[in-house]
Every structure is written in structure tokens, then in C-alpha cells.
Amino acid sequence: MSTLETIKEQIESNAILLYMKGTPRFPQCGFSSRASEALMSCNERFAFVNILENPDIRAELPKYANWPTFPQLWVNGELVGGCDIICDMAASGDLQTLVSEAAKSEEGGGAEG
């Protein structure tokens, strides 16, 4: 599987996905730390990819996303943004709403018709 195929599969398979430096429990940069803390405060499960352990993804994702920096939050296959956007959304309450709705849809609890 190519790196781009791996990225697409990760994004499609996870309703809430954070590409970050390190892990949520052991972030390896301040931006990733702030972003993962904001996401964890929403109290929903989310997937993450440690780009420091995945140099191919670290190199290719900015081209795929047209977003040059990390962390990157993807929700329901769409790029939400990086640390500043995530933290602004957390402060306004929009992140909680977005993440909660995505978590419900991943559980199959959505009533779409």
C-alpha cells in the first residue's frame, strides 16, 4: 500500500483522527499537546497517528491535505485544521459539538435518511 493510500484509509476509517507529534499521553511538541488536550476534553474516543514514527506520512500528508503543519485534525473525512483552529473551536464550544456528532455517526447512532 502506498503512503497516500495509507493516509486515505486512515482518514476514511476514523471519524475523528488527529495527526500529531507524539501521542495524546506523551505529546512531543507544544502544538500537538494543546490540540490533543482540547480533543480529549471533548470526552470522545479519537484515533491518532504519531507522525514522528511515520516519516512517510509526515512527508506526504501536508501535500495531500494542502496544509503544511502538524497537528492536523480530520473529522468525517474533512480537514478541520491545526492547533489554533482546534483551540479556538474548543473555546467556543464548536469542537465539542463537531466531535460529539462525529462520534455518534461512527457508532451508527445517526438518524440520517
PDB file of N, CA and C in Angstrom:
ATOM      1  N   MET A   1       0.852  -1.178   0.000  1.00  0.00           N
ATOM      2  CA  MET A   1       0.000   0.000   0.000  1.00  0.00           C
ATOM      3  C   MET A   1       0.895   1.237   0.000  1.00  0.00           C
ATOM      4  N   SER A   2       0.588   2.183  -0.869  1.00  0.00           N
ATOM      5  CA  SER A   2       1.384   3.399  -0.923  1.00  0.00           C
ATOM      6  C   SER A   2       1.067   4.287   0.288  1.00  0.00           C
ATOM      7  N   THR A   3       1.917   5.257   0.526  1.00  0.00           N
ATOM      8  CA  THR A   3       1.704   6.171   1.646  1.00  0.00           C
ATOM      9  C   THR A   3       0.398   6.936   1.479  1.00  0.00           C
ATOM     10  N   LEU A   4       0.106   7.393   0.257  1.00  0.00           N
ATOM     11  CA  LEU A   4      -1.146   8.111   0.032  1.00  0.00           C
ATOM     12  C   LEU A   4      -2.352   7.213   0.268  1.00  0.00           C
ATOM     13  N   GLU A   5      -2.265   5.950  -0.131  1.00  0.00           N
ATOM     14  CA  GLU A   5      -3.359   5.010   0.130  1.00  0.00           C
ATOM     15  C   GLU A   5      -3.534   4.800   1.631  1.00  0.00           C
ATOM     16  N   THR A   6      -2.432   4.730   2.355  1.00  0.00           N
ATOM     17  CA  THR A   6      -2.490   4.581   3.810  1.00  0.00           C
ATOM     18  C   THR A   6      -3.175   5.787   4.443  1.00  0.00           C
ATOM     19  N   ILE A   7      -2.793   6.987   4.020  1.00  0.00           N
ATOM     20  CA  ILE A   7      -3.395   8.214   4.550  1.00  0.00           C
ATOM     21  C   ILE A   7      -4.898   8.221   4.268  1.00  0.00           C
ATOM     22  N   LYS A   8      -5.281   7.937   3.036  1.00  0.00           N
ATOM     23  CA  LYS A   8      -6.709   7.919   2.683  1.00  0.00           C
ATOM     24  C   LYS A   8      -7.460   6.905   3.520  1.00  0.00           C
ATOM     25  N   GLU A   9      -6.889   5.725   3.709  1.00  0.00           N
ATOM     26  CA  GLU A   9      -7.537   4.687   4.502  1.00  0.00           C
ATOM     27  C   GLU A   9      -7.690   5.117   5.955  1.00  0.00           C
ATOM     28  N   GLN A  10      -6.675   5.755   6.512  1.00  0.00           N
ATOM     29  CA  GLN A  10      -6.749   6.233   7.898  1.00  0.00           C
ATOM     30  C   GLN A  10      -7.856   7.277   8.053  1.00  0.00           C
ATOM     31  N   ILE A  11      -7.922   8.209   7.132  1.00  0.00           N
ATOM     32  CA  ILE A  11      -8.912   9.277   7.199  1.00  0.00           C
ATOM     33  C   ILE A  11     -10.323   8.731   7.020  1.00  0.00           C
ATOM     34  N   GLU A  12     -10.491   7.787   6.096  1.00  0.00           N
ATOM     35  CA  GLU A  12     -11.809   7.212   5.838  1.00  0.00           C
ATOM     36  C   GLU A  12     -12.261   6.276   6.953  1.00  0.00           C
ATOM     37  N   SER A  13     -11.333   5.648   7.640  1.00  0.00           N
ATOM     38  CA  SER A  13     -11.671   4.641   8.654  1.00  0.00           C
ATOM     39  C   SER A  13     -11.909   5.213  10.046  1.00  0.00           C
ATOM     40  N   ASN A  14     -11.593   6.471  10.247  1.00  0.00           N
ATOM     41  CA  ASN A  14     -11.695   7.074  11.577  1.00  0.00           C
ATOM     42  C   ASN A  14     -12.491   8.373  11.506  1.00  0.00           C
ATOM     43  N   ALA A  15     -13.618   8.410  12.205  1.00  0.00           N
ATOM     44  CA  ALA A  15     -14.447   9.615  12.188  1.00  0.00           C
ATOM     45  C   ALA A  15     -13.705  10.806  12.784  1.00  0.00           C
ATOM     46  N   ILE A  16     -12.864  10.549  13.781  1.00  0.00           N
ATOM     47  CA  ILE A  16     -12.096  11.611  14.440  1.00  0.00           C
ATOM     48  C   ILE A  16     -10.639  11.163  14.456  1.00  0.00           C
ATOM     49  N   LEU A  17      -9.781  11.888  13.761  1.00  0.00           N
ATOM     50  CA  LEU A  17      -8.388  11.488  13.603  1.00  0.00           C
ATOM     51  C   LEU A  17      -7.478  12.694  13.771  1.00  0.00           C
ATOM     52  N   LEU A  18      -6.493  12.547  14.641  1.00  0.00           N
ATOM     53  CA  LEU A  18      -5.517  13.604  14.867  1.00  0.00           C
ATOM     54  C   LEU A  18      -4.139  13.110  14.440  1.00  0.00           C
ATOM     55  N   TYR A  19      -3.549  13.782  13.474  1.00  0.00           N
ATOM     56  CA  TYR A  19      -2.147  13.550  13.119  1.00  0.00           C
ATOM     57  C   TYR A  19      -1.341  14.490  13.993  1.00  0.00           C
ATOM     58  N   MET A  20      -0.410  13.932  14.758  1.00  0.00           N
ATOM     59  CA  MET A  20       0.302  14.748  15.735  1.00  0.00           C
ATOM     60  C   MET A  20       1.731  14.266  15.935  1.00  0.00           C
ATOM     61  N   LYS A  21       2.508  15.075  16.623  1.00  0.00           N
ATOM     62  CA  LYS A  21       3.861  14.693  17.011  1.00  0.00           C
ATOM     63  C   LYS A  21       3.771  14.098  18.405  1.00  0.00           C
ATOM     64  N   GLY A  22       4.027  12.799  18.496  1.00  0.00           N
ATOM     65  CA  GLY A  22       3.906  12.083  19.757  1.00  0.00           C
ATOM     66  C   GLY A  22       2.538  11.440  19.867  1.00  0.00           C
ATOM     67  N   THR A  23       2.110  11.227  21.108  1.00  0.00           N
ATOM     68  CA  THR A  23       0.814  10.613  21.383  1.00  0.00           C
ATOM     69  C   THR A  23       0.037  11.542  22.325  1.00  0.00           C
ATOM     70  N   PRO A  24      -1.268  11.340  22.448  1.00  0.00           N
ATOM     71  CA  PRO A  24      -2.015  12.217  23.353  1.00  0.00           C
ATOM     72  C   PRO A  24      -1.470  12.201  24.788  1.00  0.00           C
ATOM     73  N   ARG A  25      -1.010  11.053  25.255  1.00  0.00           N
ATOM     74  CA  ARG A  25      -0.468  10.986  26.619  1.00  0.00           C
ATOM     75  C   ARG A  25       0.974  11.507  26.702  1.00  0.00           C
ATOM     76  N   PHE A  26       1.696  11.424  25.600  1.00  0.00           N
ATOM     77  CA  PHE A  26       3.091  11.884  25.557  1.00  0.00           C
ATOM     78  C   PHE A  26       3.341  12.705  24.298  1.00  0.00           C
ATOM     79  N   PRO A  27       2.744  13.882  24.199  1.00  0.00           N
ATOM     80  CA  PRO A  27       2.954  14.724  23.019  1.00  0.00           C
ATOM     81  C   PRO A  27       4.410  15.183  22.943  1.00  0.00           C
ATOM     82  N   GLN A  28       4.881  15.365  21.719  1.00  0.00           N
ATOM     83  CA  GLN A  28       6.279  15.731  21.511  1.00  0.00           C
ATOM     84  C   GLN A  28       6.462  17.164  21.024  1.00  0.00           C
ATOM     85  N   CYS A  29       5.385  17.960  21.053  1.00  0.00           N
ATOM     86  CA  CYS A  29       5.525  19.391  20.792  1.00  0.00           C
ATOM     87  C   CYS A  29       4.356  20.108  21.436  1.00  0.00           C
ATOM     88  N   GLY A  30       4.526  21.375  21.689  1.00  0.00           N
ATOM     89  CA  GLY A  30       3.504  22.157  22.370  1.00  0.00           C
ATOM     90  C   GLY A  30       2.200  22.240  21.599  1.00  0.00           C
ATOM     91  N   PHE A  31       2.289  22.380  20.284  1.00  0.00           N
ATOM     92  CA  PHE A  31       1.076  22.470  19.470  1.00  0.00           C
ATOM     93  C   PHE A  31       0.281  21.166  19.522  1.00  0.00           C
ATOM     94  N   SER A  32       0.980  20.043  19.408  1.00  0.00           N
ATOM     95  CA  SER A  32       0.309  18.745  19.489  1.00  0.00           C
ATOM     96  C   SER A  32      -0.274  18.539  20.886  1.00  0.00           C
ATOM     97  N   SER A  33       0.418  19.007  21.899  1.00  0.00           N
ATOM     98  CA  SER A  33      -0.071  18.895  23.269  1.00  0.00           C
ATOM     99  C   SER A  33      -1.378  19.664  23.443  1.00  0.00           C
ATOM    100  N   ARG A  34      -1.398  20.904  22.989  1.00  0.00           N
ATOM    101  CA  ARG A  34      -2.606  21.728  23.127  1.00  0.00           C
ATOM    102  C   ARG A  34      -3.767  21.149  22.338  1.00  0.00           C
ATOM    103  N   ALA A  35      -3.481  20.681  21.125  1.00  0.00           N
ATOM    104  CA  ALA A  35      -4.540  20.129  20.277  1.00  0.00           C
ATOM    105  C   ALA A  35      -5.114  18.851  20.878  1.00  0.00           C
ATOM    106  N   SER A  36      -4.257  17.957  21.346  1.00  0.00           N
ATOM    107  CA  SER A  36      -4.751  16.701  21.911  1.00  0.00           C
ATOM    108  C   SER A  36      -5.492  16.946  23.221  1.00  0.00           C
ATOM    109  N   GLU A  37      -5.040  17.912  24.029  1.00  0.00           N
ATOM    110  CA  GLU A  37      -5.756  18.251  25.269  1.00  0.00           C
ATOM    111  C   GLU A  37      -7.159  18.766  24.953  1.00  0.00           C
ATOM    112  N   ALA A  38      -7.269  19.629  23.948  1.00  0.00           N
ATOM    113  CA  ALA A  38      -8.577  20.164  23.558  1.00  0.00           C
ATOM    114  C   ALA A  38      -9.492  19.029  23.093  1.00  0.00           C
ATOM    115  N   LEU A  39      -8.927  18.109  22.324  1.00  0.00           N
ATOM    116  CA  LEU A  39      -9.723  16.981  21.823  1.00  0.00           C
ATOM    117  C   LEU A  39     -10.111  16.041  22.958  1.00  0.00           C
ATOM    118  N   MET A  40      -9.194  15.760  23.869  1.00  0.00           N
ATOM    119  CA  MET A  40      -9.501  14.872  24.996  1.00  0.00           C
ATOM    120  C   MET A  40     -10.571  15.489  25.905  1.00  0.00           C
ATOM    121  N   SER A  41     -10.613  16.810  25.989  1.00  0.00           N
ATOM    122  CA  SER A  41     -11.612  17.460  26.846  1.00  0.00           C
ATOM    123  C   SER A  41     -13.030  17.256  26.312  1.00  0.00           C
ATOM    124  N   CYS A  42     -13.162  16.815  25.078  1.00  0.00           N
ATOM    125  CA  CYS A  42     -14.483  16.541  24.496  1.00  0.00           C
ATOM    126  C   CYS A  42     -15.038  15.194  24.970  1.00  0.00           C
ATOM    127  N   ASN A  43     -14.198  14.399  25.622  1.00  0.00           N
ATOM    128  CA  ASN A  43     -14.612  13.101  26.184  1.00  0.00           C
ATOM    129  C   ASN A  43     -15.180  12.130  25.153  1.00  0.00           C
ATOM    130  N   GLU A  44     -14.589  12.119  23.974  1.00  0.00           N
ATOM    131  CA  GLU A  44     -14.942  11.142  22.946  1.00  0.00           C
ATOM    132  C   GLU A  44     -13.661  10.458  22.496  1.00  0.00           C
ATOM    133  N   ARG A  45     -13.820   9.207  22.099  1.00  0.00           N
ATOM    134  CA  ARG A  45     -12.654   8.480  21.585  1.00  0.00           C
ATOM    135  C   ARG A  45     -12.236   9.061  20.243  1.00  0.00           C
ATOM    136  N   PHE A  46     -10.931   9.105  20.026  1.00  0.00           N
ATOM    137  CA  PHE A  46     -10.423   9.543  18.729  1.00  0.00           C
ATOM    138  C   PHE A  46      -9.164   8.762  18.405  1.00  0.00           C
ATOM    139  N   ALA A  47      -8.921   8.636  17.118  1.00  0.00           N
ATOM    140  CA  ALA A  47      -7.712   7.968  16.647  1.00  0.00           C
ATOM    141  C   ALA A  47      -6.617   9.014  16.480  1.00  0.00           C
ATOM    142  N   PHE A  48      -5.381   8.547  16.533  1.00  0.00           N
ATOM    143  CA  PHE A  48      -4.266   9.461  16.293  1.00  0.00           C
ATOM    144  C   PHE A  48      -3.165   8.700  15.564  1.00  0.00           C
ATOM    145  N   VAL A  49      -2.348   9.458  14.860  1.00  0.00           N
ATOM    146  CA  VAL A  49      -1.168   8.921  14.199  1.00  0.00           C
ATOM    147  C   VAL A  49       0.011   9.770  14.648  1.00  0.00           C
ATOM    148  N   ASN A  50       1.021   9.112  15.202  1.00  0.00           N
ATOM    149  CA  ASN A  50       2.251   9.779  15.611  1.00  0.00           C
ATOM    150  C   ASN A  50       3.128   9.913  14.372  1.00  0.00           C
ATOM    151  N   ILE A  51       3.208  11.115  13.833  1.00  0.00           N
ATOM    152  CA  ILE A  51       3.959  11.302  12.589  1.00  0.00           C
ATOM    153  C   ILE A  51       5.462  11.168  12.794  1.00  0.00           C
ATOM    154  N   LEU A  52       5.919  11.265  14.036  1.00  0.00           N
ATOM    155  CA  LEU A  52       7.352  11.080  14.291  1.00  0.00           C
ATOM    156  C   LEU A  52       7.758   9.626  14.075  1.00  0.00           C
ATOM    157  N   GLU A  53       6.807   8.707  14.232  1.00  0.00           N
ATOM    158  CA  GLU A  53       7.071   7.289  13.986  1.00  0.00           C
ATOM    159  C   GLU A  53       6.705   6.882  12.561  1.00  0.00           C
ATOM    160  N   ASN A  54       6.171   7.819  11.795  1.00  0.00           N
ATOM    161  CA  ASN A  54       5.725   7.549  10.429  1.00  0.00           C
ATOM    162  C   ASN A  54       6.249   8.641   9.502  1.00  0.00           C
ATOM    163  N   PRO A  55       7.553   8.612   9.195  1.00  0.00           N
ATOM    164  CA  PRO A  55       8.144   9.691   8.399  1.00  0.00           C
ATOM    165  C   PRO A  55       7.537   9.834   7.004  1.00  0.00           C
ATOM    166  N   ASP A  56       7.062   8.738   6.414  1.00  0.00           N
ATOM    167  CA  ASP A  56       6.443   8.840   5.087  1.00  0.00           C
ATOM    168  C   ASP A  56       5.141   9.636   5.161  1.00  0.00           C
ATOM    169  N   ILE A  57       4.349   9.368   6.199  1.00  0.00           N
ATOM    170  CA  ILE A  57       3.105  10.121   6.379  1.00  0.00           C
ATOM    171  C   ILE A  57       3.432  11.580   6.687  1.00  0.00           C
ATOM    172  N   ARG A  58       4.438  11.801   7.512  1.00  0.00           N
ATOM    173  CA  ARG A  58       4.849  13.169   7.842  1.00  0.00           C
ATOM    174  C   ARG A  58       5.227  13.945   6.585  1.00  0.00           C
ATOM    175  N   ALA A  59       5.847  13.275   5.637  1.00  0.00           N
ATOM    176  CA  ALA A  59       6.271  13.937   4.402  1.00  0.00           C
ATOM    177  C   ALA A  59       5.115  14.131   3.421  1.00  0.00           C
ATOM    178  N   GLU A  60       4.217  13.162   3.329  1.00  0.00           N
ATOM    179  CA  GLU A  60       3.172  13.187   2.303  1.00  0.00           C
ATOM    180  C   GLU A  60       1.882  13.885   2.718  1.00  0.00           C
ATOM    181  N   LEU A  61       1.505  13.823   3.990  1.00  0.00           N
ATOM    182  CA  LEU A  61       0.222  14.380   4.415  1.00  0.00           C
ATOM    183  C   LEU A  61       0.086  15.874   4.119  1.00  0.00           C
ATOM    184  N   PRO A  62       1.108  16.700   4.355  1.00  0.00           N
ATOM    185  CA  PRO A  62       0.932  18.127   4.034  1.00  0.00           C
ATOM    186  C   PRO A  62       0.585  18.376   2.564  1.00  0.00           C
ATOM    187  N   LYS A  63       1.104  17.555   1.663  1.00  0.00           N
ATOM    188  CA  LYS A  63       0.778  17.701   0.240  1.00  0.00           C
ATOM    189  C   LYS A  63      -0.661  17.252  -0.008  1.00  0.00           C
ATOM    190  N   TYR A  64      -1.046  16.134   0.582  1.00  0.00           N
ATOM    191  CA  TYR A  64      -2.391  15.596   0.410  1.00  0.00           C
ATOM    192  C   TYR A  64      -3.430  16.562   0.981  1.00  0.00           C
ATOM    193  N   ALA A  65      -3.152  17.104   2.154  1.00  0.00           N
ATOM    194  CA  ALA A  65      -4.105  17.962   2.854  1.00  0.00           C
ATOM    195  C   ALA A  65      -4.062  19.416   2.373  1.00  0.00           C
ATOM    196  N   ASN A  66      -2.985  19.778   1.694  1.00  0.00           N
ATOM    197  CA  ASN A  66      -2.735  21.179   1.357  1.00  0.00           C
ATOM    198  C   ASN A  66      -2.694  22.021   2.634  1.00  0.00           C
ATOM    199  N   TRP A  67      -2.091  21.434   3.670  1.00  0.00           N
ATOM    200  CA  TRP A  67      -1.946  22.076   4.989  1.00  0.00           C
ATOM    201  C   TRP A  67      -0.537  21.742   5.457  1.00  0.00           C
ATOM    202  N   PRO A  68       0.334  22.732   5.637  1.00  0.00           N
ATOM    203  CA  PRO A  68       1.755  22.446   5.817  1.00  0.00           C
ATOM    204  C   PRO A  68       2.202  21.988   7.201  1.00  0.00           C
ATOM    205  N   THR A  69       1.367  22.163   8.229  1.00  0.00           N
ATOM    206  CA  THR A  69       1.857  21.948   9.593  1.00  0.00           C
ATOM    207  C   THR A  69       1.116  20.836  10.315  1.00  0.00           C
ATOM    208  N   PHE A  70       1.669  20.463  11.451  1.00  0.00           N
ATOM    209  CA  PHE A  70       1.052  19.485  12.353  1.00  0.00           C
ATOM    210  C   PHE A  70       0.880  20.155  13.700  1.00  0.00           C
ATOM    211  N   PRO A  71      -0.135  19.762  14.444  1.00  0.00           N
ATOM    212  CA  PRO A  71      -1.083  18.677  14.228  1.00  0.00           C
ATOM    213  C   PRO A  71      -2.120  19.028  13.161  1.00  0.00           C
ATOM    214  N   GLN A  72      -2.822  17.983  12.713  1.00  0.00           N
ATOM    215  CA  GLN A  72      -3.941  18.131  11.788  1.00  0.00           C
ATOM    216  C   GLN A  72      -5.098  17.302  12.324  1.00  0.00           C
ATOM    217  N   LEU A  73      -6.249  17.935  12.463  1.00  0.00           N
ATOM    218  CA  LEU A  73      -7.449  17.229  12.900  1.00  0.00           C
ATOM    219  C   LEU A  73      -8.356  16.996  11.704  1.00  0.00           C
ATOM    220  N   TRP A  74      -8.757  15.733  11.527  1.00  0.00           N
ATOM    221  CA  TRP A  74      -9.678  15.336  10.474  1.00  0.00           C
ATOM    222  C   TRP A  74     -10.936  14.786  11.133  1.00  0.00           C
ATOM    223  N   VAL A  75     -12.087  15.270  10.718  1.00  0.00           N
ATOM    224  CA  VAL A  75     -13.363  14.794  11.243  1.00  0.00           C
ATOM    225  C   VAL A  75     -14.262  14.439  10.060  1.00  0.00           C
ATOM    226  N   ASN A  76     -14.748  13.216  10.066  1.00  0.00           N
ATOM    227  CA  ASN A  76     -15.605  12.712   8.992  1.00  0.00           C
ATOM    228  C   ASN A  76     -14.998  12.959   7.609  1.00  0.00           C
ATOM    229  N   GLY A  77     -13.702  12.712   7.498  1.00  0.00           N
ATOM    230  CA  GLY A  77     -13.017  12.805   6.215  1.00  0.00           C
ATOM    231  C   GLY A  77     -12.645  14.201   5.770  1.00  0.00           C
ATOM    232  N   GLU A  78     -12.925  15.200   6.591  1.00  0.00           N
ATOM    233  CA  GLU A  78     -12.632  16.591   6.241  1.00  0.00           C
ATOM    234  C   GLU A  78     -11.570  17.155   7.182  1.00  0.00           C
ATOM    235  N   LEU A  79     -10.638  17.901   6.614  1.00  0.00           N
ATOM    236  CA  LEU A  79      -9.630  18.574   7.431  1.00  0.00           C
ATOM    237  C   LEU A  79     -10.282  19.724   8.184  1.00  0.00           C
ATOM    238  N   VAL A  80     -10.179  19.697   9.498  1.00  0.00           N
ATOM    239  CA  VAL A  80     -10.697  20.776  10.337  1.00  0.00           C
ATOM    240  C   VAL A  80      -9.651  21.876  10.445  1.00  0.00           C
ATOM    241  N   GLY A  81      -8.402  21.487  10.731  1.00  0.00           N
ATOM    242  CA  GLY A  81      -7.329  22.465  10.827  1.00  0.00           C
ATOM    243  C   GLY A  81      -6.282  22.045  11.831  1.00  0.00           C
ATOM    244  N   GLY A  82      -5.464  23.016  12.196  1.00  0.00           N
ATOM    245  CA  GLY A  82      -4.361  22.771  13.109  1.00  0.00           C
ATOM    246  C   GLY A  82      -4.651  23.261  14.511  1.00  0.00           C
ATOM    247  N   CYS A  83      -3.606  23.438  15.271  1.00  0.00           N
ATOM    248  CA  CYS A  83      -3.706  23.747  16.695  1.00  0.00           C
ATOM    249  C   CYS A  83      -4.544  24.990  16.981  1.00  0.00           C
ATOM    250  N   ASP A  84      -4.290  26.097  16.306  1.00  0.00           N
ATOM    251  CA  ASP A  84      -5.019  27.335  16.593  1.00  0.00           C
ATOM    252  C   ASP A  84      -6.512  27.173  16.340  1.00  0.00           C
ATOM    253  N   ILE A  85      -6.854  26.547  15.227  1.00  0.00           N
ATOM    254  CA  ILE A  85      -8.261  26.337  14.894  1.00  0.00           C
ATOM    255  C   ILE A  85      -8.909  25.403  15.910  1.00  0.00           C
ATOM    256  N   ILE A  86      -8.214  24.327  16.251  1.00  0.00           N
ATOM    257  CA  ILE A  86      -8.742  23.371  17.235  1.00  0.00           C
ATOM    258  C   ILE A  86      -8.987  24.072  18.570  1.00  0.00           C
ATOM    259  N   CYS A  87      -8.031  24.856  19.034  1.00  0.00           N
ATOM    260  CA  CYS A  87      -8.161  25.537  20.330  1.00  0.00           C
ATOM    261  C   CYS A  87      -9.239  26.618  20.288  1.00  0.00           C
ATOM    262  N   ASP A  88      -9.356  27.343  19.179  1.00  0.00           N
ATOM    263  CA  ASP A  88     -10.420  28.339  19.042  1.00  0.00           C
ATOM    264  C   ASP A  88     -11.790  27.665  19.071  1.00  0.00           C
ATOM    265  N   MET A  89     -11.897  26.538  18.374  1.00  0.00           N
ATOM    266  CA  MET A  89     -13.164  25.798  18.361  1.00  0.00           C
ATOM    267  C   MET A  89     -13.487  25.244  19.749  1.00  0.00           C
ATOM    268  N   ALA A  90     -12.473  24.806  20.465  1.00  0.00           N
ATOM    269  CA  ALA A  90     -12.696  24.299  21.823  1.00  0.00           C
ATOM    270  C   ALA A  90     -13.214  25.413  22.726  1.00  0.00           C
ATOM    271  N   ALA A  91     -12.639  26.599  22.608  1.00  0.00           N
ATOM    272  CA  ALA A  91     -13.044  27.731  23.444  1.00  0.00           C
ATOM    273  C   ALA A  91     -14.477  28.162  23.158  1.00  0.00           C
ATOM    274  N   SER A  92     -14.908  28.061  21.907  1.00  0.00           N
ATOM    275  CA  SER A  92     -16.257  28.498  21.535  1.00  0.00           C
ATOM    276  C   SER A  92     -17.316  27.419  21.755  1.00  0.00           C
ATOM    277  N   GLY A  93     -16.867  26.169  21.987  1.00  0.00           N
ATOM    278  CA  GLY A  93     -17.803  25.058  22.136  1.00  0.00           C
ATOM    279  C   GLY A  93     -18.061  24.313  20.839  1.00  0.00           C
ATOM    280  N   ASP A  94     -17.574  24.859  19.722  1.00  0.00           N
ATOM    281  CA  ASP A  94     -17.817  24.225  18.425  1.00  0.00           C
ATOM    282  C   ASP A  94     -17.114  22.873  18.293  1.00  0.00           C
ATOM    283  N   LEU A  95     -15.952  22.728  18.934  1.00  0.00           N
ATOM    284  CA  LEU A  95     -15.227  21.462  18.840  1.00  0.00           C
ATOM    285  C   LEU A  95     -16.026  20.346  19.506  1.00  0.00           C
ATOM    286  N   GLN A  96     -16.582  20.629  20.680  1.00  0.00           N
ATOM    287  CA  GLN A  96     -17.388  19.633  21.382  1.00  0.00           C
ATOM    288  C   GLN A  96     -18.552  19.170  20.506  1.00  0.00           C
ATOM    289  N   THR A  97     -19.240  20.108  19.877  1.00  0.00           N
ATOM    290  CA  THR A  97     -20.376  19.773  19.015  1.00  0.00           C
ATOM    291  C   THR A  97     -19.923  18.912  17.843  1.00  0.00           C
ATOM    292  N   LEU A  98     -18.878  19.342  17.159  1.00  0.00           N
ATOM    293  CA  LEU A  98     -18.377  18.614  15.996  1.00  0.00           C
ATOM    294  C   LEU A  98     -17.949  17.200  16.365  1.00  0.00           C
ATOM    295  N   VAL A  99     -17.189  17.079  17.438  1.00  0.00           N
ATOM    296  CA  VAL A  99     -16.655  15.784  17.859  1.00  0.00           C
ATOM    297  C   VAL A  99     -17.780  14.864  18.351  1.00  0.00           C
ATOM    298  N   SER A 100     -18.720  15.403  19.104  1.00  0.00           N
ATOM    299  CA  SER A 100     -19.828  14.591  19.600  1.00  0.00           C
ATOM    300  C   SER A 100     -20.657  14.042  18.453  1.00  0.00           C
ATOM    301  N   GLU A 101     -20.949  14.883  17.472  1.00  0.00           N
ATOM    302  CA  GLU A 101     -21.728  14.435  16.316  1.00  0.00           C
ATOM    303  C   GLU A 101     -20.968  13.384  15.517  1.00  0.00           C
ATOM    304  N   ALA A 102     -19.661  13.577  15.349  1.00  0.00           N
ATOM    305  CA  ALA A 102     -18.857  12.599  14.617  1.00  0.00           C
ATOM    306  C   ALA A 102     -18.806  11.269  15.360  1.00  0.00           C
ATOM    307  N   ALA A 103     -18.692  11.330  16.675  1.00  0.00           N
ATOM    308  CA  ALA A 103     -18.653  10.101  17.475  1.00  0.00           C
ATOM    309  C   ALA A 103     -19.972   9.343  17.369  1.00  0.00           C
ATOM    310  N   LYS A 104     -21.087  10.062  17.371  1.00  0.00           N
ATOM    311  CA  LYS A 104     -22.396   9.415  17.221  1.00  0.00           C
ATOM    312  C   LYS A 104     -22.516   8.745  15.867  1.00  0.00           C
ATOM    313  N   SER A 105     -22.062   9.426  14.813  1.00  0.00           N
ATOM    314  CA  SER A 105     -22.167   8.850  13.469  1.00  0.00           C
ATOM    315  C   SER A 105     -21.283   7.618  13.329  1.00  0.00           C
ATOM    316  N   GLU A 106     -20.136   7.612  14.023  1.00  0.00           N
ATOM    317  CA  GLU A 106     -19.238   6.455  13.961  1.00  0.00           C
ATOM    318  C   GLU A 106     -19.848   5.246  14.672  1.00  0.00           C
ATOM    319  N   GLU A 107     -20.617   5.514  15.722  1.00  0.00           N
ATOM    320  CA  GLU A 107     -21.268   4.430  16.471  1.00  0.00           C
ATOM    321  C   GLU A 107     -22.496   3.915  15.747  1.00  0.00           C
ATOM    322  N   GLY A 108     -22.894   4.581  14.660  1.00  0.00           N
ATOM    323  CA  GLY A 108     -24.083   4.160  13.946  1.00  0.00           C
ATOM    324  C   GLY A 108     -25.347   4.714  14.566  1.00  0.00           C
ATOM    325  N   GLY A 109     -25.201   5.709  15.447  1.00  0.00           N
ATOM    326  CA  GLY A 109     -26.339   6.274  16.119  1.00  0.00           C
ATOM    327  C   GLY A 109     -26.994   7.418  15.355  1.00  0.00           C
ATOM    328  N   GLY A 110     -26.443   7.763  14.212  1.00  0.00           N
ATOM    329  CA  GLY A 110     -27.010   8.864  13.437  1.00  0.00           C
ATOM    330  C   GLY A 110     -28.319   8.462  12.786  1.00  0.00           C
ATOM    331  N   ALA A 111     -29.270   9.382  12.764  1.00  0.00           N
ATOM    332  CA  ALA A 111     -30.575   9.103  12.160  1.00  0.00           C
ATOM    333  C   ALA A 111     -30.674   9.862  10.849  1.00  0.00           C
ATOM    334  N   GLU A 112     -29.900   9.444   9.889  1.00  0.00           N
ATOM    335  CA  GLU A 112     -29.922  10.134   8.609  1.00  0.00           C
ATOM    336  C   GLU A 112     -30.815   9.363   7.650  1.00  0.00           C
ATOM    337  N   GLY A 113     -31.544  10.090   6.853  1.00  0.00           N
ATOM    338  CA  GLY A 113     -32.435   9.381   5.947  1.00  0.00           C
ATOM    339  C   GLY A 113     -32.718  10.185   4.814  1.00  0.00           C
TER     340      GLY A 113
END
